[in-house]
C-alpha atoms as a PDB file:
ATOM      1  CA  MET A   1    -111.591  53.484-130.859  1.00  0.00           C
ATOM      2  CA  VAL A   2    -112.131  51.152-133.805  1.00  0.00           C
ATOM      3  CA  LEU A   3    -109.497  50.123-136.330  1.00  0.00           C
ATOM      4  CA  GLN A   4    -110.809  50.879-139.813  1.00  0.00           C
ATOM      5  CA  GLU A   5    -107.616  50.848-141.890  1.00  0.00           C
ATOM      6  CA  LEU A   6    -104.528  48.664-141.565  1.00  0.00           C
ATOM      7  CA  VAL A   7    -101.403  49.347-143.630  1.00  0.00           C
ATOM      8  CA  VAL A   8     -98.705  46.659-143.629  1.00  0.00           C
ATOM      9  CA  ASP A   9     -97.065  47.354-146.991  1.00  0.00           C
ATOM     10  CA  HIS A  10     -93.329  46.666-147.516  1.00  0.00           C
ATOM     11  CA  ASN A  11     -92.978  44.215-144.606  1.00  0.00           C
ATOM     12  CA  ARG A  12     -91.737  41.047-146.340  1.00  0.00           C
ATOM     13  CA  ILE A  13     -94.820  39.180-145.122  1.00  0.00           C
ATOM     14  CA  ARG A  14     -94.885  35.696-146.643  1.00  0.00           C
ATOM     15  CA  ALA A  15     -98.037  34.452-144.955  1.00  0.00           C
ATOM     16  CA  PHE A  16    -100.331  35.102-142.054  1.00  0.00           C
ATOM     17  CA  ASN A  17    -102.032  32.365-140.103  1.00  0.00           C
ATOM     18  CA  ASP A  18    -105.767  31.878-140.337  1.00  0.00           C
ATOM     19  CA  SER A  19    -106.331  33.288-136.857  1.00  0.00           C
ATOM     20  CA  ALA A  20    -104.846  36.686-137.811  1.00  0.00           C
ATOM     21  CA  PHE A  21    -108.265  37.867-138.984  1.00  0.00           C
ATOM     22  CA  ALA A  22    -110.417  35.288-137.175  1.00  0.00           C
ATOM     23  CA  LYS A  23    -112.516  37.647-135.066  1.00  0.00           C
ATOM     24  CA  PRO A  24    -115.190  39.814-136.672  1.00  0.00           C
ATOM     25  CA  SER A  25    -113.720  43.163-137.513  1.00  0.00           C
ATOM     26  CA  SER A  26    -114.823  46.641-138.480  1.00  0.00           C
ATOM     27  CA  LEU A  27    -111.804  46.911-140.784  1.00  0.00           C
ATOM     28  CA  LEU A  28    -112.750  48.756-143.975  1.00  0.00           C
ATOM     29  CA  THR A  29    -109.389  48.910-145.776  1.00  0.00           C
ATOM     30  CA  LEU A  30    -106.462  46.474-145.729  1.00  0.00           C
ATOM     31  CA  HIS A  31    -103.147  47.262-147.429  1.00  0.00           C
ATOM     32  CA  LEU A  32    -100.853  44.270-148.019  1.00  0.00           C
ATOM     33  CA  GLU A  33     -98.933  45.580-151.030  1.00  0.00           C
ATOM     34  CA  GLU A  34     -95.283  44.827-151.793  1.00  0.00           C
ATOM     35  CA  ASN A  35     -94.893  41.861-149.474  1.00  0.00           C
ATOM     36  CA  ARG A  36     -94.071  38.255-150.348  1.00  0.00           C
ATOM     37  CA  LEU A  37     -97.538  36.739-150.140  1.00  0.00           C
ATOM     38  CA  ARG A  38     -98.200  33.670-152.278  1.00  0.00           C
ATOM     39  CA  GLU A  39    -101.736  32.982-151.054  1.00  0.00           C
ATOM     40  CA  LEU A  40    -104.399  34.585-148.927  1.00  0.00           C
ATOM     41  CA  GLY A  41    -105.555  33.206-145.637  1.00  0.00           C
ATOM     42  CA  LYS A  42    -109.142  33.236-144.496  1.00  0.00           C
ATOM     43  CA  LEU A  43    -110.682  36.690-144.632  1.00  0.00           C
ATOM     44  CA  GLN A  44    -114.346  35.747-144.093  1.00  0.00           C
ATOM     45  CA  SER A  45    -114.520  37.579-140.773  1.00  0.00           C
ATOM     46  CA  LEU A  46    -113.716  40.884-142.477  1.00  0.00           C
ATOM     47  CA  VAL A  47    -117.365  41.397-143.336  1.00  0.00           C
ATOM     48  CA  LYS A  48    -117.074  45.191-143.575  1.00  0.00           C
ATOM     49  CA  LEU A  49    -113.970  45.166-145.769  1.00  0.00           C
ATOM     50  CA  GLU A  50    -114.430  47.473-148.759  1.00  0.00           C
ATOM     51  CA  LYS A  51    -110.877  47.800-150.106  1.00  0.00           C
ATOM     52  CA  LEU A  52    -108.099  45.217-150.290  1.00  0.00           C
ATOM     53  CA  PHE A  53    -104.735  46.152-151.788  1.00  0.00           C
ATOM     54  CA  LEU A  54    -102.512  43.212-152.819  1.00  0.00           C
ATOM     55  CA  GLY A  55    -100.312  44.641-155.577  1.00  0.00           C
ATOM     56  CA  TYR A  56     -96.720  43.464-156.032  1.00  0.00           C
ATOM     57  CA  ASN A  57     -97.088  40.120-154.270  1.00  0.00           C
ATOM     58  CA  LYS A  58     -96.652  36.622-155.695  1.00  0.00           C
ATOM     59  CA  ILE A  59    -100.338  35.738-155.626  1.00  0.00           C
END
């Protein structure tokens, strides 16, 4: 089984450390809407990422 979509909306996330997405991933869609993010960490390993949702953050 391969994780292709991760939804973590509405979780009051302020930040995630750089190792959160450090390993190469087959993730296609990442939902981070309505959290408290002020900046993005490193997402370079998400080479297959097609959709990134960041609405309603403080970025």
